[in-house]
């Protein structure tokens, strides 16, 4: 409604007040003056908009939000919409891997249903779907519900992406509330939860070993904003005091080495300096500053992350091949992801995936040179040393797979600081030639075994790790350690793609309880 301008009412008195103070007209005159003041006050209130027109919109908005008028546009610079980007879907259980599912998503935004296409025979999907929906410009909360389904030959079944226990058809879907003012969400996923912000994990209900169609799903939510810096108008105007028409991307007003967009996203104050080079709230031995450096991997400062760089030897003249199959990389990730240690592999996404010149055989004496050149890039101060574990896949070496640290002459023994390993690809080809398991399975098993050494699982710790004479029934330690169902036990290295949790009886050991995420770091007393 547009108000027409109305001048304040004026009354020209006929009587002089001083002359008639004692007369009966004085009381009438005072009444006229009072009426004039009341009418003037009402008109002024209309002019400043205090008395609102009684429309359904304003009747519905009964409780004004802090610092905002009732029904006020939360971003007057744009027509608000919300976008949800689905980053990945990964089936975490053998049922999915052996029988690839036909995933599809059901998504409700403020009650409106959106349904994805059906992705046939795909147990892992990356960046599969994006939905953008218009939302009211005057309401802070947006309701989001996510369900993941497997079409299962035309008989859809719900997959588990929720931390809630499963009961009948409940405990599978996820409900969120997105807050337009702050640009964050909460509900069944929020900053600081076990699986990470923007990540759902069906194993969070404790079903690590139960086949409950457990999956992990990654996503981001955001509304549009005029300057494109990802910080909502309301936050810029009412919290930060920044200009919502000018992008603040890359600004570091507090000089703590981390820009405003990262601190905004993770709930830090971008105008108060934090010691991000030392802060490590999730105790994964990766500081907040390093979490910022790895933001393209969707690392989370409040949930453990594990990084591995893979470099491969170039193909040889006789068809020798050392690149780890993608399926092996996926299988290595699964046991960690189930337990919310998010495993990230750089096989070409950042600086990994480099090709080492082909050599038929790689001597131990060559390892330090290769490590310095292809991992550190001749910079011993690079931040990657404190973030990434390192794997070299070469044609042949001896021993055929072992962990080491090359900050000094390579040593085996898996002491603190052991952050790297080397694997002979020709051995993997040899094993696969026996047709017991596919090639990717052998790569996954030996990779997970060697990663375990960089996490502090070393000979004698726990006691069953790397015990010689334990691989076959005719060897003496086979029977002693047969209950130690771990990839660290030589008997199971190429058949069980997991560490043990110590639940298999006598002489079993809990690897997961002994994992040390800081073991790969250079010791403080290192010289």
Protein backbone atom coordinates (compact mmCIF):
# COMPACT_ATOMS: atom_id res chain seq x y z
CA UNK A 1 0.00 0.00 0.00
CA UNK A 2 1.21 3.55 -0.82
CA UNK A 3 0.29 6.23 1.69
CA UNK A 4 -0.86 9.63 0.32
CA UNK A 5 0.91 12.53 2.05
CA UNK A 6 -1.43 14.28 4.53
CA UNK A 7 -0.39 17.56 6.20
CA UNK A 8 -0.78 17.70 9.98
CA UNK A 9 -4.20 19.12 10.96
CA UNK A 10 -4.27 22.75 12.14
CA UNK A 11 -7.09 24.53 14.03
CA UNK A 12 -7.21 28.34 14.06
CA UNK A 13 -8.61 29.18 17.49
CA UNK A 14 -11.37 31.77 17.59
CA UNK A 15 -10.72 32.59 21.20
CA UNK A 16 -7.64 33.98 22.91
CA UNK A 17 -6.82 31.57 25.74
CA UNK A 18 -5.47 34.20 28.10
CA UNK A 19 -8.60 36.27 27.80
CA UNK A 20 -10.97 33.40 28.52
CA UNK A 21 -9.15 31.49 31.24
CA UNK A 22 -12.01 31.93 33.61
CA UNK A 23 -14.73 31.45 31.07
CA UNK A 24 -16.72 28.30 30.34
CA UNK A 25 -15.20 28.29 26.86
CA UNK A 26 -11.70 27.59 28.13
CA UNK A 27 -12.49 23.95 28.85
CA UNK A 28 -13.93 23.54 25.35
CA UNK A 29 -10.81 25.08 23.86
CA UNK A 30 -8.56 22.66 25.74
CA UNK A 31 -10.65 19.78 24.42
CA UNK A 32 -10.14 20.95 20.85
CA UNK A 33 -6.40 21.15 21.41
CA UNK A 34 -6.36 17.59 22.83
CA UNK A 35 -8.28 16.29 19.83
CA UNK A 36 -5.83 18.04 17.50
CA UNK A 37 -2.85 16.37 19.23
CA UNK A 38 -4.44 12.93 19.03
CA UNK A 39 -5.25 13.31 15.33
CA UNK A 40 -1.74 14.62 14.61
CA UNK A 41 -0.16 11.66 16.44
CA UNK A 42 -2.25 9.14 14.45
CA UNK A 43 -1.32 10.77 11.13
CA UNK A 44 2.39 10.80 12.02
CA UNK A 45 2.28 7.12 12.96
CA UNK A 46 0.77 6.35 9.56
CA UNK A 47 3.51 8.33 7.85
CA UNK A 48 6.36 6.45 9.55
CA UNK A 49 4.69 3.08 8.92
CA UNK A 50 4.20 2.05 12.55
CA UNK A 51 0.59 1.11 11.91
CA UNK A 52 0.77 -1.54 9.19
CA UNK A 53 -2.01 -2.34 6.77
CA UNK A 54 -3.87 -5.40 7.93
CA UNK A 55 -3.04 -7.86 5.18
CA UNK A 56 -2.75 -11.65 5.56
CA UNK A 57 1.02 -11.42 5.15
CA UNK A 58 1.43 -9.18 8.17
CA UNK A 59 -1.16 -10.98 10.24
CA UNK A 60 0.77 -14.24 9.72
CA UNK A 61 4.11 -12.69 10.70
CA UNK A 62 3.22 -12.25 14.37
CA UNK A 63 6.73 -12.32 15.94
CA UNK A 64 9.31 -9.93 14.49
CA UNK A 65 12.83 -11.37 14.08
CA UNK A 66 15.68 -9.55 15.89
CA UNK A 67 16.87 -6.39 14.15
CA UNK A 68 14.32 -6.84 11.33
CA UNK A 69 10.82 -5.53 10.84
CA UNK A 70 7.99 -7.99 10.50
CA UNK A 71 7.81 -9.36 6.96
CA UNK A 72 10.92 -7.52 5.81
CA UNK A 73 12.81 -8.91 2.81
CA UNK A 74 15.83 -10.86 4.10
CA UNK A 75 17.79 -9.90 0.98
CA UNK A 76 16.36 -6.91 -0.89
CA UNK A 77 19.07 -7.17 -3.55
CA UNK A 78 17.94 -10.51 -5.05
CA UNK A 79 14.92 -12.74 -5.42
CA UNK A 80 15.95 -15.52 -3.02
CA UNK A 81 16.38 -19.12 -4.10
CA UNK A 82 18.10 -22.06 -2.47
CA UNK A 83 20.43 -24.55 -4.16
CA UNK A 84 21.43 -28.00 -2.97
CA UNK A 85 24.41 -29.59 -4.70
CA UNK A 86 24.77 -33.33 -4.19
CA UNK A 87 28.53 -33.95 -4.20
CA UNK A 88 28.72 -37.73 -3.96
CA UNK A 89 26.78 -40.87 -3.13
CA UNK A 90 28.73 -43.94 -2.03
CA UNK A 91 27.39 -47.34 -1.04
CA UNK A 92 29.42 -48.50 1.96
CA UNK A 93 28.48 -52.18 2.19
CA UNK A 94 29.39 -55.28 0.20
CA UNK A 95 25.78 -55.74 -0.88
CA UNK A 96 26.05 -52.58 -2.95
CA UNK A 97 29.50 -53.41 -4.29
CA UNK A 98 28.53 -56.91 -5.41
CA UNK A 99 25.10 -55.86 -6.71
CA UNK A 100 25.44 -52.28 -8.01
CA UNK A 101 22.34 -50.28 -7.03
CA UNK A 102 20.09 -48.03 -9.07
CA UNK A 103 20.24 -44.96 -6.80
CA UNK A 104 17.82 -42.07 -6.91
CA UNK A 105 17.06 -39.19 -4.52
CA UNK A 106 13.83 -37.76 -3.20
CA UNK A 107 14.18 -34.19 -1.96
CA UNK A 108 11.57 -31.98 -0.32
CA UNK A 109 12.15 -28.21 -0.09
CA UNK A 110 9.44 -26.50 1.97
CA UNK A 111 7.18 -29.45 1.20
CA UNK A 112 7.72 -29.46 -2.56
CA UNK A 113 9.01 -32.78 -3.89
CA UNK A 114 11.91 -33.03 -6.33
CA UNK A 115 12.94 -36.44 -7.63
CA UNK A 116 16.24 -37.20 -9.34
CA UNK A 117 16.77 -39.46 -12.33
CA UNK A 118 17.61 -43.09 -11.61
CA UNK A 119 21.32 -43.82 -11.90
CA UNK A 120 21.63 -47.37 -13.14
CA UNK A 121 24.23 -49.78 -11.71
CA UNK A 122 26.30 -47.16 -9.90
CA UNK A 123 27.47 -47.79 -6.34
CA UNK A 124 29.48 -44.53 -6.41
CA UNK A 125 28.42 -41.23 -7.95
CA UNK A 126 30.16 -37.86 -7.96
CA UNK A 127 28.40 -34.52 -8.50
CA UNK A 128 25.28 -36.33 -9.72
CA UNK A 129 22.53 -33.76 -9.17
CA UNK A 130 21.76 -30.12 -8.36
CA UNK A 131 18.39 -28.59 -7.46
CA UNK A 132 17.53 -24.89 -7.22
CA UNK A 133 14.19 -23.79 -5.77
CA UNK A 134 12.56 -20.43 -5.18
CA UNK A 135 11.91 -19.61 -1.51
CA UNK A 136 9.98 -16.84 0.27
CA UNK A 137 12.08 -13.70 0.72
CA UNK A 138 10.64 -12.97 4.16
CA UNK A 139 10.96 -16.32 5.99
CA UNK A 140 14.21 -17.34 7.67
CA UNK A 141 13.74 -21.11 7.94
CA UNK A 142 13.68 -23.47 4.95
CA UNK A 143 12.64 -27.09 5.49
CA UNK A 144 14.77 -29.74 3.74
CA UNK A 145 14.15 -33.52 3.71
CA UNK A 146 16.48 -35.94 1.91
CA UNK A 147 15.88 -39.60 1.11
CA UNK A 148 18.16 -41.94 -0.83
CA UNK A 149 16.58 -44.90 -2.62
CA UNK A 150 17.72 -47.98 -4.52
CA UNK A 151 15.29 -48.76 -7.35
CA UNK A 152 16.17 -52.46 -6.95
CA UNK A 153 14.72 -53.72 -10.23
CA UNK A 154 11.58 -51.63 -9.92
CA UNK A 155 10.94 -52.37 -6.24
CA UNK A 156 12.38 -49.27 -4.51
CA UNK A 157 13.89 -49.62 -1.05
CA UNK A 158 15.15 -46.90 1.27
CA UNK A 159 18.89 -46.63 1.85
CA UNK A 160 20.23 -45.57 5.23
CA UNK A 161 21.89 -42.13 5.39
CA UNK A 162 20.74 -41.24 8.90
CA UNK A 163 22.34 -41.51 12.33
CA UNK A 164 18.98 -42.54 13.81
CA UNK A 165 18.38 -46.23 14.54
CA UNK A 166 16.32 -48.03 11.91
CA UNK A 167 12.82 -49.07 12.96
CA UNK A 168 10.58 -50.28 10.18
CA UNK A 169 10.64 -47.49 7.60
CA UNK A 170 11.93 -44.84 10.02
CA UNK A 171 15.54 -43.88 10.68
CA UNK A 172 16.56 -43.62 7.03
CA UNK A 173 15.75 -40.06 5.91
CA UNK A 174 17.30 -36.78 7.03
CA UNK A 175 15.50 -33.56 8.02
CA UNK A 176 17.31 -30.20 7.99
CA UNK A 177 16.45 -26.57 8.62
CA UNK A 178 18.36 -24.02 6.56
CA UNK A 179 18.56 -20.50 8.02
CA UNK A 180 18.51 -17.83 5.34
CA UNK A 181 19.90 -15.15 7.66
CA UNK A 182 23.03 -17.02 8.68
CA UNK A 183 23.56 -19.27 5.65
CA UNK A 184 23.90 -22.40 7.81
CA UNK A 185 21.70 -25.36 8.60
CA UNK A 186 21.03 -27.72 11.49
CA UNK A 187 18.81 -30.65 12.34
CA UNK A 188 20.01 -34.13 11.41
CA UNK A 189 23.25 -32.60 10.09
CA UNK A 190 25.15 -29.67 11.55
CA UNK A 191 28.62 -28.29 12.18
CA UNK A 192 30.56 -30.52 14.56
CA UNK A 193 28.55 -33.72 14.22
CA UNK A 194 30.33 -37.06 13.94
CA UNK A 195 30.07 -37.53 10.18
CA UNK A 196 30.93 -33.94 9.29
CA UNK A 197 29.04 -30.90 8.04
CA UNK A 198 27.38 -31.58 4.72
CA UNK A 199 27.98 -35.33 5.00
CA UNK A 200 25.52 -38.08 5.94
CA UNK A 201 26.57 -41.58 7.01
CA UNK A 202 24.17 -44.46 7.52
CA UNK A 203 26.73 -46.26 9.69
CA UNK A 204 26.37 -43.62 12.39
CA UNK A 205 23.60 -45.68 14.00
CA UNK A 206 26.18 -48.36 14.88
CA UNK A 207 25.47 -50.66 11.92
CA UNK A 208 29.12 -51.05 10.92
CA UNK A 209 28.80 -54.78 10.33
CA UNK A 210 25.08 -55.05 9.60
CA UNK A 211 23.78 -54.96 6.07
CA UNK A 212 21.35 -52.05 6.39
CA UNK A 213 21.96 -50.48 2.97
CA UNK A 214 24.28 -47.96 4.61
CA UNK A 215 25.50 -45.16 2.34
CA UNK A 216 27.30 -41.86 2.65
CA UNK A 217 26.04 -38.75 0.92
CA UNK A 218 27.79 -35.39 0.58
CA UNK A 219 26.03 -32.12 -0.18
CA UNK A 220 26.14 -28.35 0.18
CA UNK A 221 23.32 -25.86 0.67
CA UNK A 222 23.37 -22.16 -0.14
CA UNK A 223 21.15 -19.28 -1.14
CA UNK A 224 22.03 -16.77 -3.85
CA UNK A 225 23.53 -13.42 -2.87
CA UNK A 226 24.17 -10.27 -4.90
CA UNK A 227 27.96 -10.09 -4.57
CA UNK A 228 28.55 -13.84 -4.92
CA UNK A 229 30.78 -14.23 -1.85
CA UNK A 230 28.49 -16.80 -0.22
CA UNK A 231 27.86 -14.63 2.85
CA UNK A 232 24.14 -13.82 3.18
CA UNK A 233 22.90 -10.23 3.02
CA UNK A 234 21.51 -10.41 6.56
CA UNK A 235 24.83 -11.57 8.03
CA UNK A 236 26.80 -8.93 6.12
CA UNK A 237 24.50 -6.09 7.24
CA UNK A 238 23.62 -7.17 10.79
CA UNK A 239 26.66 -9.16 11.96
CA UNK A 240 29.77 -8.35 9.92
CA UNK A 241 28.99 -4.78 8.89
CA UNK A 242 30.37 -5.46 5.40
CA UNK A 243 28.99 -4.20 2.09
CA UNK A 244 26.56 -6.77 0.62
CA UNK A 245 27.14 -5.34 -2.87
CA UNK A 246 30.91 -5.96 -2.83
CA UNK A 247 32.44 -9.47 -2.71
CA UNK A 248 34.64 -10.15 0.32
CA UNK A 249 36.17 -13.34 -1.07
CA UNK A 250 39.81 -13.73 -0.08
CA UNK A 251 39.78 -10.94 2.52
CA UNK A 252 41.59 -11.62 5.80
CA UNK A 253 40.64 -8.69 8.01
CA UNK A 254 42.06 -10.26 11.18
CA UNK A 255 45.33 -11.34 9.54
CA UNK A 256 45.22 -14.93 10.85
CA UNK A 257 46.00 -16.49 7.47
CA UNK A 258 42.49 -17.76 6.75
CA UNK A 259 40.05 -15.75 4.59
CA UNK A 260 36.62 -14.59 5.59
CA UNK A 261 34.67 -17.16 3.54
CA UNK A 262 36.33 -20.12 5.30
CA UNK A 263 35.87 -18.65 8.77
CA UNK A 264 32.27 -17.75 7.97
CA UNK A 265 31.52 -21.28 6.77
CA UNK A 266 32.94 -22.96 9.88
CA UNK A 267 31.55 -20.51 12.42
CA UNK A 268 34.70 -18.56 13.31
CA UNK A 269 34.74 -14.79 13.71
CA UNK A 270 36.60 -13.40 10.67
CA UNK A 271 37.37 -10.18 12.55
CA UNK A 272 39.05 -11.81 15.56
CA UNK A 273 42.41 -13.49 14.91
CA UNK A 274 42.62 -17.19 15.74
CA UNK A 275 45.78 -19.28 15.87
CA UNK A 276 44.63 -21.48 12.98
CA UNK A 277 48.11 -22.88 12.39
CA UNK A 278 47.84 -24.58 15.81
CA UNK A 279 44.11 -25.14 16.25
CA UNK A 280 43.09 -28.76 15.58
CA UNK A 281 39.63 -29.28 17.09
CA UNK A 282 39.17 -32.78 15.59
CA UNK A 283 42.64 -34.04 16.65
CA UNK A 284 43.46 -35.42 13.20
CA UNK A 285 46.92 -33.79 13.20
CA UNK A 286 45.78 -31.41 10.46
CA UNK A 287 45.57 -27.82 11.67
CA UNK A 288 42.78 -25.43 10.73
CA UNK A 289 45.19 -23.66 8.38
CA UNK A 290 45.91 -26.98 6.65
CA UNK A 291 42.17 -27.73 6.57
CA UNK A 292 41.77 -24.46 4.68
CA UNK A 293 44.51 -25.48 2.24
CA UNK A 294 42.60 -28.71 1.54
CA UNK A 295 39.13 -27.13 1.32
CA UNK A 296 38.77 -28.34 -2.28
CA UNK A 297 38.59 -31.88 -0.85
CA UNK A 298 35.75 -30.78 1.47
CA UNK A 299 37.88 -31.40 4.54
CA UNK A 300 36.22 -30.61 7.85
CA UNK A 301 38.02 -29.05 10.86
CA UNK A 302 35.59 -30.78 13.23
CA UNK A 303 35.80 -34.33 11.79
CA UNK A 304 39.00 -36.37 11.18
CA UNK A 305 40.42 -36.29 7.65
CA UNK A 306 43.13 -38.54 6.20
CA UNK A 307 45.03 -37.62 3.02
CA UNK A 308 47.08 -39.84 0.72
CA UNK A 309 49.03 -38.74 -2.35
CA UNK A 310 49.55 -41.44 -4.97
CA UNK A 311 52.30 -41.20 -7.62
CA UNK A 312 52.78 -43.83 -10.30
CA UNK A 313 55.63 -45.09 -12.42
CA UNK A 314 55.19 -44.52 -16.14
CA UNK A 315 54.29 -47.48 -18.32
CA UNK A 316 57.19 -49.69 -19.35
CA UNK A 317 58.23 -50.78 -22.85
CA UNK A 318 56.67 -54.20 -22.42
CA UNK A 319 53.29 -53.08 -21.12
CA UNK A 320 54.32 -52.70 -17.47
CA UNK A 321 51.63 -50.66 -15.72
CA UNK A 322 51.70 -49.17 -12.20
CA UNK A 323 48.55 -47.04 -11.92
CA UNK A 324 46.23 -48.07 -9.08
CA UNK A 325 42.75 -48.91 -10.44
CA UNK A 326 40.01 -46.47 -9.42
CA UNK A 327 38.02 -49.28 -7.83
CA UNK A 328 40.99 -50.04 -5.56
CA UNK A 329 41.06 -46.41 -4.46
CA UNK A 330 37.35 -46.58 -3.67
CA UNK A 331 37.69 -49.82 -1.68
CA UNK A 332 40.53 -48.38 0.41
CA UNK A 333 38.32 -45.47 1.44
CA UNK A 334 35.33 -47.47 2.63
CA UNK A 335 36.53 -48.79 6.05
CA UNK A 336 37.69 -45.32 7.12
CA UNK A 337 34.61 -43.51 5.81
CA UNK A 338 32.32 -45.93 7.67
CA UNK A 339 34.02 -44.77 10.88
CA UNK A 340 33.97 -41.08 9.95
CA UNK A 341 37.68 -40.80 9.21
CA UNK A 342 37.19 -39.21 5.81
CA UNK A 343 39.81 -40.67 3.45
CA UNK A 344 40.92 -38.37 0.60
CA UNK A 345 43.14 -39.65 -2.22
CA UNK A 346 45.05 -37.23 -4.43
CA UNK A 347 45.80 -39.20 -7.56
CA UNK A 348 45.63 -36.13 -9.79
CA UNK A 349 43.12 -33.81 -8.10
CA UNK A 350 45.75 -31.43 -6.69
CA UNK A 351 49.44 -32.27 -7.12
CA UNK A 352 49.22 -36.06 -6.93
CA UNK A 353 49.16 -38.57 -9.73
CA UNK A 354 52.58 -37.62 -11.03
CA UNK A 355 54.36 -40.07 -13.33
CA UNK A 356 57.77 -41.27 -12.21
CA UNK A 357 60.06 -42.22 -15.14
CA UNK A 358 60.03 -45.94 -15.78
CA UNK A 359 62.74 -48.12 -14.27
CA UNK A 360 62.59 -51.92 -14.27
CA UNK A 361 63.76 -51.97 -10.65
CA UNK A 362 63.83 -49.21 -7.99
CA UNK A 363 66.60 -49.51 -5.41
CA UNK A 364 66.18 -48.37 -1.83
CA UNK A 365 68.99 -45.88 -2.48
CA UNK A 366 66.80 -44.12 -5.08
CA UNK A 367 63.80 -43.65 -2.84
CA UNK A 368 64.93 -40.49 -1.11
CA UNK A 369 65.58 -38.74 -4.42
CA UNK A 370 62.14 -39.71 -5.76
CA UNK A 371 60.45 -38.69 -2.50
CA UNK A 372 62.14 -35.29 -2.49
CA UNK A 373 61.35 -34.59 -6.13
CA UNK A 374 57.85 -35.98 -6.60
CA UNK A 375 56.38 -35.49 -3.14
CA UNK A 376 58.16 -32.51 -1.59
CA UNK A 377 59.08 -30.92 -4.94
CA UNK A 378 62.45 -30.09 -3.40
CA UNK A 379 60.80 -27.98 -0.70
CA UNK A 380 61.23 -29.53 2.74
CA UNK A 381 59.00 -26.80 4.23
CA UNK A 382 55.97 -27.53 2.06
CA UNK A 383 52.70 -27.76 3.96
CA UNK A 384 51.89 -31.04 2.19
CA UNK A 385 54.43 -32.86 4.39
CA UNK A 386 52.21 -32.23 7.39
CA UNK A 387 48.98 -33.21 5.63
CA UNK A 388 49.52 -36.00 3.10
CA UNK A 389 50.74 -39.52 3.51
CA UNK A 390 52.64 -40.59 0.39
CA UNK A 391 52.54 -43.69 -1.83
CA UNK A 392 54.84 -44.62 -4.73
CA UNK A 393 53.80 -47.42 -7.06
CA UNK A 394 56.78 -48.66 -9.05
CA UNK A 395 57.36 -51.61 -11.34
CA UNK A 396 59.53 -53.57 -8.91
CA UNK A 397 61.44 -53.03 -5.67
CA UNK A 398 62.66 -55.06 -2.70
CA UNK A 399 61.12 -55.65 -0.28
CA UNK A 400 58.09 -55.70 -2.54
CA UNK A 401 56.20 -53.31 -0.30
CA UNK A 402 57.32 -51.36 2.76
CA UNK A 403 56.83 -48.14 4.69
CA UNK A 404 59.54 -45.56 5.17
CA UNK A 405 60.42 -41.98 5.96
CA UNK A 406 62.68 -40.24 3.45
CA UNK A 407 63.24 -37.05 5.44
CA UNK A 408 66.59 -38.75 6.12
CA UNK A 409 68.02 -41.79 4.38
CA UNK A 410 65.01 -44.11 4.09
CA UNK A 411 64.53 -46.34 7.05
CA UNK A 412 62.15 -49.20 7.58
CA UNK A 413 60.87 -49.97 11.03
CA UNK A 414 57.83 -47.75 11.08
CA UNK A 415 59.07 -45.30 13.69
CA UNK A 416 57.22 -42.00 14.31
CA UNK A 417 57.56 -39.90 11.19
CA UNK A 418 56.91 -42.82 8.86
CA UNK A 419 54.67 -41.17 6.32
CA UNK A 420 55.34 -43.00 3.05
CA UNK A 421 55.41 -46.41 1.43
CA UNK A 422 56.40 -48.03 -1.84
CA UNK A 423 54.65 -50.94 -3.59
CA UNK A 424 55.77 -53.21 -6.40
CA UNK A 425 53.07 -53.22 -9.09
CA UNK A 426 54.49 -56.29 -10.75
CA UNK A 427 53.70 -58.22 -7.57
CA UNK A 428 50.06 -57.08 -7.79
CA UNK A 429 49.91 -58.27 -11.40
CA UNK A 430 51.39 -61.58 -10.32
CA UNK A 431 48.79 -62.11 -7.61
CA UNK A 432 45.91 -61.12 -9.91
CA UNK A 433 47.16 -63.64 -12.46
CA UNK A 434 46.12 -66.37 -10.06
CA UNK A 435 42.48 -65.30 -10.62
CA UNK A 436 41.57 -65.52 -6.93
CA UNK A 437 40.62 -61.85 -6.69
CA UNK A 438 40.56 -59.08 -9.27
CA UNK A 439 43.60 -56.81 -9.62
CA UNK A 440 41.98 -53.90 -7.76
CA UNK A 441 41.49 -56.10 -4.68
CA UNK A 442 45.21 -56.78 -4.32
CA UNK A 443 46.08 -53.11 -4.76
CA UNK A 444 43.46 -52.16 -2.15
CA UNK A 445 44.69 -54.73 0.38
CA UNK A 446 48.38 -53.89 0.21
CA UNK A 447 47.66 -50.13 0.14
CA UNK A 448 45.51 -50.34 3.27
CA UNK A 449 48.17 -52.47 4.97
CA UNK A 450 50.90 -49.91 4.25
CA UNK A 451 48.70 -46.95 5.21
CA UNK A 452 48.25 -48.73 8.54
CA UNK A 453 52.01 -48.47 9.13
CA UNK A 454 51.85 -44.70 8.61
CA UNK A 455 49.11 -44.67 11.28
CA UNK A 456 51.28 -46.39 13.89
CA UNK A 457 50.22 -50.01 13.31
CA UNK A 458 53.69 -51.55 13.22
CA UNK A 459 55.38 -54.86 13.97
CA UNK A 460 54.39 -55.87 17.49
CA UNK A 461 51.88 -53.04 17.93
CA UNK A 462 49.35 -54.58 18.12
CA UNK A 463 51.12 -57.92 18.58
CA UNK A 464 49.72 -59.59 15.43
CA UNK A 465 50.98 -56.96 12.97
CA UNK A 466 53.51 -58.19 10.38
CA UNK A 467 54.14 -61.47 12.18
CA UNK A 468 56.23 -63.74 9.97
CA UNK A 469 55.18 -67.36 9.45
CA UNK A 470 51.50 -66.58 9.90
CA UNK A 471 50.15 -66.59 6.34
CA UNK A 472 49.49 -70.31 5.74
CA UNK A 473 48.08 -73.17 7.84
CA UNK A 474 51.40 -75.04 7.86
CA UNK A 475 53.19 -72.06 9.43
CA UNK A 476 53.43 -71.94 13.25
CA UNK A 477 51.88 -68.53 13.89
CA UNK A 478 48.93 -69.02 11.54
CA UNK A 479 46.91 -70.82 14.21
CA UNK A 480 47.95 -68.47 16.98
CA UNK A 481 46.80 -65.33 15.14
CA UNK A 482 44.03 -66.69 12.95
CA UNK A 483 41.39 -64.77 14.98
CA UNK A 484 43.22 -61.50 14.30
CA UNK A 485 41.04 -60.65 11.30
CA UNK A 486 42.95 -57.65 10.04
CA UNK A 487 44.60 -56.51 6.83
CA UNK A 488 47.70 -56.06 9.05
CA UNK A 489 47.85 -59.85 9.55
CA UNK A 490 49.77 -61.38 6.65
CA UNK A 491 47.21 -64.14 6.38
CA UNK A 492 44.43 -61.61 5.62
CA UNK A 493 46.32 -58.84 3.78
CA UNK A 494 44.85 -59.79 0.42
CA UNK A 495 41.39 -60.93 1.45
CA UNK A 496 40.07 -58.70 4.28
CA UNK A 497 39.90 -55.00 3.39
CA UNK A 498 39.57 -53.76 6.95
CA UNK A 499 41.37 -53.48 10.26
CA UNK A 500 40.17 -55.55 13.17
CA UNK A 501 38.10 -54.17 16.04
CA UNK A 502 39.25 -56.84 18.50
CA UNK A 503 35.89 -58.62 18.65
CA UNK A 504 36.91 -62.03 17.25
CA UNK A 505 38.15 -63.76 20.35
CA UNK A 506 41.50 -64.61 21.88
CA UNK A 507 44.58 -63.21 20.11
CA UNK A 508 42.51 -60.66 18.24
CA UNK A 509 43.49 -56.99 18.60
CA UNK A 510 41.68 -53.70 18.19
CA UNK A 511 43.54 -51.92 15.37
CA UNK A 512 41.05 -49.07 15.22
CA UNK A 513 41.68 -48.20 18.86
CA UNK A 514 45.44 -48.14 18.19
CA UNK A 515 45.37 -45.90 15.11
CA UNK A 516 47.38 -42.73 15.68
CA UNK A 517 46.56 -40.01 13.16
CA UNK A 518 49.68 -38.04 14.16
CA UNK A 519 52.14 -40.93 13.68
CA UNK A 520 53.12 -39.73 10.20
CA UNK A 521 54.18 -36.28 11.41
CA UNK A 522 57.87 -35.43 11.76
CA UNK A 523 58.69 -35.95 15.47
CA UNK A 524 59.28 -32.74 17.43
CA UNK A 525 62.74 -33.93 18.46
CA UNK A 526 63.60 -34.83 14.84
CA UNK A 527 67.11 -33.77 13.80
